[in-house]
Each structure stands twice: as C-alpha cells, then as structure tokens.
Amino acid sequence: MANIARQSGFVTEVRQATRELWLALQKLEAMQREWNALDYDNTLTEEAFGGENAPITAQNVSDVVFTTANAIRAVLDAGNGTNLARLL
C-alpha cells in the first residue's frame, strides 16, 4: 500500500515539476519581449547588478532570457512539448 502511495506521489511531483517548467518557459519568453521593448541591451544599468545580483552581468541574464529559453523552446517544438502537455 505504501508503495502505491509513493508511486502516486511521484506522478504528482512529476506533474507539478512539468507545470513549473512550462510556466517558467512562458515567463522567460515574456521577458524576451520586455527586454526588447525596454532596450535592455542599452539601458540596463550597473545598479541592477548590485547586492544579491552581484557578480551577474547583463550578458549572463541575456544568455538565459534568449539563448537558453530559445534552446528549450526548440527542444519542445521538436516534439517534446507534447510530452509536457500530456501531464499539464
């Protein structure tokens, strides 16, 4: 009985992680639009990288917002998006 409960819990956790991944990608893609609209290539200030954001750079942020998010989107568009959508 405990094994069935753990298996059910496992499936639930996978589904939750899937929803979080799905939503995180959507958020990063929305942040691409914000980056472009506010021209962060030219307007992101050094002050944005103080405190808890040190020693992150604008390039580090851009790499995640664009390069990594686009790579994840490409993987999903190649057929893996269906795998995620089945568990949403």
PDB file of N, CA and C in Angstrom:
ATOM      1  N   MET A   1       0.827  -1.205   0.000  1.00  0.00           N
ATOM      2  CA  MET A   1       0.000   0.000   0.000  1.00  0.00           C
ATOM      3  C   MET A   1       0.862   1.255   0.000  1.00  0.00           C
ATOM      4  N   ALA A   2       1.892   1.263   0.851  1.00  0.00           N
ATOM      5  CA  ALA A   2       2.777   2.433   0.900  1.00  0.00           C
ATOM      6  C   ALA A   2       3.458   2.650  -0.442  1.00  0.00           C
ATOM      7  N   ASN A   3       3.788   1.567  -1.149  1.00  0.00           N
ATOM      8  CA  ASN A   3       4.428   1.676  -2.447  1.00  0.00           C
ATOM      9  C   ASN A   3       3.513   2.375  -3.447  1.00  0.00           C
ATOM     10  N   ILE A   4       2.238   2.050  -3.432  1.00  0.00           N
ATOM     11  CA  ILE A   4       1.269   2.690  -4.324  1.00  0.00           C
ATOM     12  C   ILE A   4       1.157   4.171  -3.983  1.00  0.00           C
ATOM     13  N   ALA A   5       1.141   4.489  -2.698  1.00  0.00           N
ATOM     14  CA  ALA A   5       1.059   5.889  -2.280  1.00  0.00           C
ATOM     15  C   ALA A   5       2.286   6.654  -2.771  1.00  0.00           C
ATOM     16  N   ARG A   6       3.460   6.058  -2.656  1.00  0.00           N
ATOM     17  CA  ARG A   6       4.669   6.739  -3.116  1.00  0.00           C
ATOM     18  C   ARG A   6       4.652   6.905  -4.626  1.00  0.00           C
ATOM     19  N   GLN A   7       4.188   5.891  -5.329  1.00  0.00           N
ATOM     20  CA  GLN A   7       4.121   5.983  -6.790  1.00  0.00           C
ATOM     21  C   GLN A   7       3.170   7.094  -7.214  1.00  0.00           C
ATOM     22  N   SER A   8       2.036   7.181  -6.550  1.00  0.00           N
ATOM     23  CA  SER A   8       1.075   8.242  -6.845  1.00  0.00           C
ATOM     24  C   SER A   8       1.685   9.606  -6.540  1.00  0.00           C
ATOM     25  N   GLY A   9       2.381   9.693  -5.415  1.00  0.00           N
ATOM     26  CA  GLY A   9       3.052  10.939  -5.065  1.00  0.00           C
ATOM     27  C   GLY A   9       4.108  11.317  -6.084  1.00  0.00           C
ATOM     28  N   PHE A  10       4.822  10.318  -6.575  1.00  0.00           N
ATOM     29  CA  PHE A  10       5.849  10.557  -7.593  1.00  0.00           C
ATOM     30  C   PHE A  10       5.236  11.155  -8.850  1.00  0.00           C
ATOM     31  N   VAL A  11       4.139  10.550  -9.311  1.00  0.00           N
ATOM     32  CA  VAL A  11       3.456  11.056 -10.508  1.00  0.00           C
ATOM     33  C   VAL A  11       2.993  12.495 -10.274  1.00  0.00           C
ATOM     34  N   THR A  12       2.448  12.764  -9.119  1.00  0.00           N
ATOM     35  CA  THR A  12       2.005  14.120  -8.777  1.00  0.00           C
ATOM     36  C   THR A  12       3.178  15.098  -8.809  1.00  0.00           C
ATOM     37  N   GLU A  13       4.321  14.698  -8.263  1.00  0.00           N
ATOM     38  CA  GLU A  13       5.505  15.568  -8.258  1.00  0.00           C
ATOM     39  C   GLU A  13       6.014  15.833  -9.671  1.00  0.00           C
ATOM     40  N   VAL A  14       5.998  14.814 -10.522  1.00  0.00           N
ATOM     41  CA  VAL A  14       6.422  14.999 -11.917  1.00  0.00           C
ATOM     42  C   VAL A  14       5.485  15.978 -12.614  1.00  0.00           C
ATOM     43  N   ARG A  15       4.193  15.837 -12.376  1.00  0.00           N
ATOM     44  CA  ARG A  15       3.227  16.750 -12.995  1.00  0.00           C
ATOM     45  C   ARG A  15       3.445  18.181 -12.516  1.00  0.00           C
ATOM     46  N   GLN A  16       3.726  18.368 -11.228  1.00  0.00           N
ATOM     47  CA  GLN A  16       3.981  19.702 -10.693  1.00  0.00           C
ATOM     48  C   GLN A  16       5.252  20.296 -11.305  1.00  0.00           C
ATOM     49  N   ALA A  17       6.294  19.498 -11.390  1.00  0.00           N
ATOM     50  CA  ALA A  17       7.545  19.974 -11.997  1.00  0.00           C
ATOM     51  C   ALA A  17       7.320  20.335 -13.464  1.00  0.00           C
ATOM     52  N   THR A  18       6.478  19.568 -14.147  1.00  0.00           N
ATOM     53  CA  THR A  18       6.147  19.852 -15.543  1.00  0.00           C
ATOM     54  C   THR A  18       5.446  21.195 -15.666  1.00  0.00           C
ATOM     55  N   ARG A  19       4.467  21.440 -14.790  1.00  0.00           N
ATOM     56  CA  ARG A  19       3.757  22.737 -14.816  1.00  0.00           C
ATOM     57  C   ARG A  19       4.731  23.882 -14.544  1.00  0.00           C
ATOM     58  N   GLU A  20       5.635  23.690 -13.599  1.00  0.00           N
ATOM     59  CA  GLU A  20       6.604  24.735 -13.267  1.00  0.00           C
ATOM     60  C   GLU A  20       7.531  25.015 -14.444  1.00  0.00           C
ATOM     61  N   LEU A  21       7.984  23.964 -15.120  1.00  0.00           N
ATOM     62  CA  LEU A  21       8.831  24.139 -16.301  1.00  0.00           C
ATOM     63  C   LEU A  21       8.080  24.867 -17.405  1.00  0.00           C
ATOM     64  N   TRP A  22       6.864  24.440 -17.652  1.00  0.00           N
ATOM     65  CA  TRP A  22       6.014  25.049 -18.686  1.00  0.00           C
ATOM     66  C   TRP A  22       5.834  26.549 -18.409  1.00  0.00           C
ATOM     67  N   LEU A  23       5.484  26.875 -17.170  1.00  0.00           N
ATOM     68  CA  LEU A  23       5.256  28.275 -16.803  1.00  0.00           C
ATOM     69  C   LEU A  23       6.545  29.081 -16.804  1.00  0.00           C
ATOM     70  N   ALA A  24       7.644  28.475 -16.380  1.00  0.00           N
ATOM     71  CA  ALA A  24       8.933  29.175 -16.377  1.00  0.00           C
ATOM     72  C   ALA A  24       9.341  29.553 -17.796  1.00  0.00           C
ATOM     73  N   LEU A  25       9.149  28.652 -18.735  1.00  0.00           N
ATOM     74  CA  LEU A  25       9.487  28.968 -20.123  1.00  0.00           C
ATOM     75  C   LEU A  25       8.603  30.091 -20.649  1.00  0.00           C
ATOM     76  N   GLN A  26       7.320  30.031 -20.339  1.00  0.00           N
ATOM     77  CA  GLN A  26       6.431  31.116 -20.772  1.00  0.00           C
ATOM     78  C   GLN A  26       6.877  32.450 -20.184  1.00  0.00           C
ATOM     79  N   LYS A  27       7.311  32.437 -18.935  1.00  0.00           N
ATOM     80  CA  LYS A  27       7.762  33.667 -18.287  1.00  0.00           C
ATOM     81  C   LYS A  27       9.034  34.187 -18.942  1.00  0.00           C
ATOM     82  N   LEU A  28       9.983  33.300 -19.220  1.00  0.00           N
ATOM     83  CA  LEU A  28      11.212  33.740 -19.880  1.00  0.00           C
ATOM     84  C   LEU A  28      10.926  34.307 -21.265  1.00  0.00           C
ATOM     85  N   GLU A  29      10.003  33.690 -21.985  1.00  0.00           N
ATOM     86  CA  GLU A  29       9.651  34.208 -23.309  1.00  0.00           C
ATOM     87  C   GLU A  29       8.977  35.575 -23.202  1.00  0.00           C
ATOM     88  N   ALA A  30       8.178  35.808 -22.177  1.00  0.00           N
ATOM     89  CA  ALA A  30       7.592  37.129 -21.951  1.00  0.00           C
ATOM     90  C   ALA A  30       8.692  38.132 -21.612  1.00  0.00           C
ATOM     91  N   MET A  31       9.708  37.677 -20.893  1.00  0.00           N
ATOM     92  CA  MET A  31      10.810  38.566 -20.531  1.00  0.00           C
ATOM     93  C   MET A  31      11.646  38.946 -21.756  1.00  0.00           C
ATOM     94  N   GLN A  32      11.641  38.112 -22.779  1.00  0.00           N
ATOM     95  CA  GLN A  32      12.296  38.488 -24.035  1.00  0.00           C
ATOM     96  C   GLN A  32      11.621  39.733 -24.608  1.00  0.00           C
ATOM     97  N   ARG A  33      10.283  39.732 -24.559  1.00  0.00           N
ATOM     98  CA  ARG A  33       9.548  40.884 -25.093  1.00  0.00           C
ATOM     99  C   ARG A  33       9.831  42.135 -24.269  1.00  0.00           C
ATOM    100  N   GLU A  34       9.901  41.989 -22.935  1.00  0.00           N
ATOM    101  CA  GLU A  34      10.230  43.133 -22.086  1.00  0.00           C
ATOM    102  C   GLU A  34      11.642  43.628 -22.378  1.00  0.00           C
ATOM    103  N   TRP A  35      12.584  42.707 -22.492  1.00  0.00           N
ATOM    104  CA  TRP A  35      13.978  43.073 -22.788  1.00  0.00           C
ATOM    105  C   TRP A  35      14.033  43.929 -24.054  1.00  0.00           C
ATOM    106  N   ASN A  36      13.352  43.463 -25.099  1.00  0.00           N
ATOM    107  CA  ASN A  36      13.358  44.190 -26.370  1.00  0.00           C
ATOM    108  C   ASN A  36      12.616  45.521 -26.266  1.00  0.00           C
ATOM    109  N   ALA A  37      11.458  45.520 -25.618  1.00  0.00           N
ATOM    110  CA  ALA A  37      10.655  46.738 -25.524  1.00  0.00           C
ATOM    111  C   ALA A  37      11.381  47.833 -24.744  1.00  0.00           C
ATOM    112  N   LEU A  38      12.110  47.444 -23.716  1.00  0.00           N
ATOM    113  CA  LEU A  38      12.812  48.430 -22.887  1.00  0.00           C
ATOM    114  C   LEU A  38      14.280  48.584 -23.271  1.00  0.00           C
ATOM    115  N   ASP A  39      14.662  47.952 -24.370  1.00  0.00           N
ATOM    116  CA  ASP A  39      16.010  48.067 -24.931  1.00  0.00           C
ATOM    117  C   ASP A  39      17.094  47.831 -23.876  1.00  0.00           C
ATOM    118  N   TYR A  40      16.937  46.717 -23.131  1.00  0.00           N
ATOM    119  CA  TYR A  40      17.882  46.425 -22.056  1.00  0.00           C
ATOM    120  C   TYR A  40      19.307  46.214 -22.559  1.00  0.00           C
ATOM    121  N   ASP A  41      19.478  45.931 -23.848  1.00  0.00           N
ATOM    122  CA  ASP A  41      20.848  45.869 -24.378  1.00  0.00           C
ATOM    123  C   ASP A  41      21.586  47.176 -24.116  1.00  0.00           C
ATOM    124  N   ASN A  42      20.839  48.270 -24.142  1.00  0.00           N
ATOM    125  CA  ASN A  42      21.449  49.590 -23.996  1.00  0.00           C
ATOM    126  C   ASN A  42      21.071  50.317 -22.715  1.00  0.00           C
ATOM    127  N   THR A  43      20.022  49.865 -22.034  1.00  0.00           N
ATOM    128  CA  THR A  43      19.530  50.653 -20.901  1.00  0.00           C
ATOM    129  C   THR A  43      19.667  49.980 -19.541  1.00  0.00           C
ATOM    130  N   LEU A  44      20.035  48.699 -19.501  1.00  0.00           N
ATOM    131  CA  LEU A  44      20.181  48.012 -18.225  1.00  0.00           C
ATOM    132  C   LEU A  44      21.382  48.602 -17.493  1.00  0.00           C
ATOM    133  N   THR A  45      21.138  49.149 -16.316  1.00  0.00           N
ATOM    134  CA  THR A  45      22.186  49.883 -15.601  1.00  0.00           C
ATOM    135  C   THR A  45      23.019  48.974 -14.701  1.00  0.00           C
ATOM    136  N   GLU A  46      24.199  49.424 -14.376  1.00  0.00           N
ATOM    137  CA  GLU A  46      25.091  48.698 -13.475  1.00  0.00           C
ATOM    138  C   GLU A  46      24.453  48.504 -12.102  1.00  0.00           C
ATOM    139  N   GLU A  47      23.620  49.452 -11.686  1.00  0.00           N
ATOM    140  CA  GLU A  47      22.968  49.357 -10.382  1.00  0.00           C
ATOM    141  C   GLU A  47      22.093  48.111 -10.269  1.00  0.00           C
ATOM    142  N   ALA A  48      21.605  47.625 -11.401  1.00  0.00           N
ATOM    143  CA  ALA A  48      20.764  46.423 -11.397  1.00  0.00           C
ATOM    144  C   ALA A  48      21.552  45.191 -10.956  1.00  0.00           C
ATOM    145  N   PHE A  49      22.873  45.295 -10.976  1.00  0.00           N
ATOM    146  CA  PHE A  49      23.728  44.146 -10.690  1.00  0.00           C
ATOM    147  C   PHE A  49      24.453  44.272  -9.362  1.00  0.00           C
ATOM    148  N   GLY A  50      23.903  45.061  -8.477  1.00  0.00           N
ATOM    149  CA  GLY A  50      24.461  45.175  -7.136  1.00  0.00           C
ATOM    150  C   GLY A  50      23.781  44.201  -6.191  1.00  0.00           C
ATOM    151  N   GLY A  51      24.252  44.174  -4.961  1.00  0.00           N
ATOM    152  CA  GLY A  51      23.639  43.356  -3.922  1.00  0.00           C
ATOM    153  C   GLY A  51      23.544  41.900  -4.296  1.00  0.00           C
ATOM    154  N   GLU A  52      22.351  41.340  -4.193  1.00  0.00           N
ATOM    155  CA  GLU A  52      22.162  39.916  -4.460  1.00  0.00           C
ATOM    156  C   GLU A  52      22.398  39.542  -5.920  1.00  0.00           C
ATOM    157  N   ASN A  53      22.435  40.525  -6.806  1.00  0.00           N
ATOM    158  CA  ASN A  53      22.665  40.257  -8.227  1.00  0.00           C
ATOM    159  C   ASN A  53      24.139  40.292  -8.626  1.00  0.00           C
ATOM    160  N   ALA A  54      25.021  40.621  -7.691  1.00  0.00           N
ATOM    161  CA  ALA A  54      26.462  40.612  -7.988  1.00  0.00           C
ATOM    162  C   ALA A  54      26.946  39.167  -7.936  1.00  0.00           C
ATOM    163  N   PRO A  55      27.801  38.722  -8.743  1.00  0.00           N
ATOM    164  CA  PRO A  55      28.526  39.343  -9.851  1.00  0.00           C
ATOM    165  C   PRO A  55      27.911  39.037 -11.214  1.00  0.00           C
ATOM    166  N   ILE A  56      26.598  38.897 -11.275  1.00  0.00           N
ATOM    167  CA  ILE A  56      25.910  38.609 -12.538  1.00  0.00           C
ATOM    168  C   ILE A  56      26.063  39.799 -13.477  1.00  0.00           C
ATOM    169  N   THR A  57      26.131  39.508 -14.774  1.00  0.00           N
ATOM    170  CA  THR A  57      26.261  40.558 -15.782  1.00  0.00           C
ATOM    171  C   THR A  57      25.031  40.578 -16.688  1.00  0.00           C
ATOM    172  N   ALA A  58      24.917  41.640 -17.460  1.00  0.00           N
ATOM    173  CA  ALA A  58      23.825  41.727 -18.431  1.00  0.00           C
ATOM    174  C   ALA A  58      23.909  40.567 -19.419  1.00  0.00           C
ATOM    175  N   GLN A  59      25.118  40.182 -19.790  1.00  0.00           N
ATOM    176  CA  GLN A  59      25.290  39.060 -20.718  1.00  0.00           C
ATOM    177  C   GLN A  59      24.786  37.760 -20.106  1.00  0.00           C
ATOM    178  N   ASN A  60      25.048  37.557 -18.812  1.00  0.00           N
ATOM    179  CA  ASN A  60      24.547  36.353 -18.135  1.00  0.00           C
ATOM    180  C   ASN A  60      23.021  36.296 -18.203  1.00  0.00           C
ATOM    181  N   VAL A  61      22.389  37.424 -17.964  1.00  0.00           N
ATOM    182  CA  VAL A  61      20.925  37.486 -17.983  1.00  0.00           C
ATOM    183  C   VAL A  61      20.412  37.261 -19.396  1.00  0.00           C
ATOM    184  N   SER A  62      21.011  37.934 -20.353  1.00  0.00           N
ATOM    185  CA  SER A  62      20.614  37.779 -21.748  1.00  0.00           C
ATOM    186  C   SER A  62      20.781  36.335 -22.221  1.00  0.00           C
ATOM    187  N   ASP A  63      21.836  35.684 -21.777  1.00  0.00           N
ATOM    188  CA  ASP A  63      22.061  34.284 -22.167  1.00  0.00           C
ATOM    189  C   ASP A  63      20.906  33.389 -21.732  1.00  0.00           C
ATOM    190  N   VAL A  64      20.373  33.628 -20.537  1.00  0.00           N
ATOM    191  CA  VAL A  64      19.252  32.816 -20.057  1.00  0.00           C
ATOM    192  C   VAL A  64      17.961  33.225 -20.757  1.00  0.00           C
ATOM    193  N   VAL A  65      17.706  34.531 -20.805  1.00  0.00           N
ATOM    194  CA  VAL A  65      16.446  35.035 -21.371  1.00  0.00           C
ATOM    195  C   VAL A  65      16.307  34.664 -22.848  1.00  0.00           C
ATOM    196  N   PHE A  66      17.413  34.690 -23.569  1.00  0.00           N
ATOM    197  CA  PHE A  66      17.329  34.401 -25.002  1.00  0.00           C
ATOM    198  C   PHE A  66      17.905  33.035 -25.369  1.00  0.00           C
ATOM    199  N   THR A  67      19.187  32.834 -25.169  1.00  0.00           N
ATOM    200  CA  THR A  67      19.844  31.613 -25.656  1.00  0.00           C
ATOM    201  C   THR A  67      19.256  30.361 -25.028  1.00  0.00           C
ATOM    202  N   THR A  68      19.187  30.325 -23.714  1.00  0.00           N
ATOM    203  CA  THR A  68      18.690  29.131 -23.042  1.00  0.00           C
ATOM    204  C   THR A  68      17.199  28.934 -23.274  1.00  0.00           C
ATOM    205  N   ALA A  69      16.416  30.002 -23.134  1.00  0.00           N
ATOM    206  CA  ALA A  69      14.968  29.878 -23.352  1.00  0.00           C
ATOM    207  C   ALA A  69      14.672  29.429 -24.782  1.00  0.00           C
ATOM    208  N   ASN A  70      15.392  29.968 -25.754  1.00  0.00           N
ATOM    209  CA  ASN A  70      15.168  29.572 -27.147  1.00  0.00           C
ATOM    210  C   ASN A  70      15.580  28.121 -27.384  1.00  0.00           C
ATOM    211  N   ALA A  71      16.639  27.672 -26.715  1.00  0.00           N
ATOM    212  CA  ALA A  71      17.066  26.275 -26.852  1.00  0.00           C
ATOM    213  C   ALA A  71      16.016  25.342 -26.272  1.00  0.00           C
ATOM    214  N   ILE A  72      15.458  25.708 -25.126  1.00  0.00           N
ATOM    215  CA  ILE A  72      14.392  24.882 -24.530  1.00  0.00           C
ATOM    216  C   ILE A  72      13.185  24.865 -25.447  1.00  0.00           C
ATOM    217  N   ARG A  73      12.830  26.013 -25.998  1.00  0.00           N
ATOM    218  CA  ARG A  73      11.687  26.079 -26.925  1.00  0.00           C
ATOM    219  C   ARG A  73      11.941  25.174 -28.130  1.00  0.00           C
ATOM    220  N   ALA A  74      13.153  25.173 -28.654  1.00  0.00           N
ATOM    221  CA  ALA A  74      13.476  24.325 -29.811  1.00  0.00           C
ATOM    222  C   ALA A  74      13.306  22.848 -29.471  1.00  0.00           C
ATOM    223  N   VAL A  75      13.724  22.450 -28.281  1.00  0.00           N
ATOM    224  CA  VAL A  75      13.555  21.057 -27.842  1.00  0.00           C
ATOM    225  C   VAL A  75      12.069  20.720 -27.752  1.00  0.00           C
ATOM    226  N   LEU A  76      11.290  21.631 -27.204  1.00  0.00           N
ATOM    227  CA  LEU A  76       9.847  21.382 -27.086  1.00  0.00           C
ATOM    228  C   LEU A  76       9.177  21.344 -28.451  1.00  0.00           C
ATOM    229  N   ASP A  77       9.591  22.251 -29.333  1.00  0.00           N
ATOM    230  CA  ASP A  77       8.996  22.299 -30.667  1.00  0.00           C
ATOM    231  C   ASP A  77       9.377  21.075 -31.507  1.00  0.00           C
ATOM    232  N   ALA A  78      10.445  20.393 -31.125  1.00  0.00           N
ATOM    233  CA  ALA A  78      10.872  19.192 -31.846  1.00  0.00           C
ATOM    234  C   ALA A  78      10.088  17.955 -31.405  1.00  0.00           C
ATOM    235  N   GLY A  79       9.067  18.135 -30.600  1.00  0.00           N
ATOM    236  CA  GLY A  79       8.207  17.024 -30.222  1.00  0.00           C
ATOM    237  C   GLY A  79       8.089  16.804 -28.724  1.00  0.00           C
ATOM    238  N   ASN A  80       9.001  17.355 -27.961  1.00  0.00           N
ATOM    239  CA  ASN A  80       8.951  17.148 -26.515  1.00  0.00           C
ATOM    240  C   ASN A  80       7.883  17.979 -25.821  1.00  0.00           C
ATOM    241  N   GLY A  81       7.402  18.989 -26.476  1.00  0.00           N
ATOM    242  CA  GLY A  81       6.322  19.779 -25.907  1.00  0.00           C
ATOM    243  C   GLY A  81       5.077  18.936 -25.679  1.00  0.00           C
ATOM    244  N   THR A  82       4.839  17.976 -26.560  1.00  0.00           N
ATOM    245  CA  THR A  82       3.705  17.068 -26.414  1.00  0.00           C
ATOM    246  C   THR A  82       3.848  16.257 -25.139  1.00  0.00           C
ATOM    247  N   ASN A  83       5.068  15.825 -24.835  1.00  0.00           N
ATOM    248  CA  ASN A  83       5.294  15.062 -23.610  1.00  0.00           C
ATOM    249  C   ASN A  83       4.883  15.879 -22.392  1.00  0.00           C
ATOM    250  N   LEU A  84       5.273  17.153 -22.379  1.00  0.00           N
ATOM    251  CA  LEU A  84       4.912  18.006 -21.251  1.00  0.00           C
ATOM    252  C   LEU A  84       3.415  18.261 -21.218  1.00  0.00           C
ATOM    253  N   ALA A  85       2.850  18.579 -22.366  1.00  0.00           N
ATOM    254  CA  ALA A  85       1.428  18.930 -22.422  1.00  0.00           C
ATOM    255  C   ALA A  85       0.534  17.794 -21.910  1.00  0.00           C
ATOM    256  N   ARG A  86       0.956  16.582 -22.091  1.00  0.00           N
ATOM    257  CA  ARG A  86       0.154  15.442 -21.618  1.00  0.00           C
ATOM    258  C   ARG A  86       0.026  15.426 -20.096  1.00  0.00           C
ATOM    259  N   LEU A  87       0.985  16.030 -19.415  1.00  0.00           N
ATOM    260  CA  LEU A  87       0.977  15.985 -17.949  1.00  0.00           C
ATOM    261  C   LEU A  87       0.448  17.257 -17.301  1.00  0.00           C
ATOM    262  N   LEU A  88       0.149  18.274 -18.092  1.00  0.00           N
ATOM    263  CA  LEU A  88      -0.342  19.536 -17.522  1.00  0.00           C
ATOM    264  C   LEU A  88      -1.703  19.358 -16.896  1.00  0.00           C
TER     265      LEU A  88
END
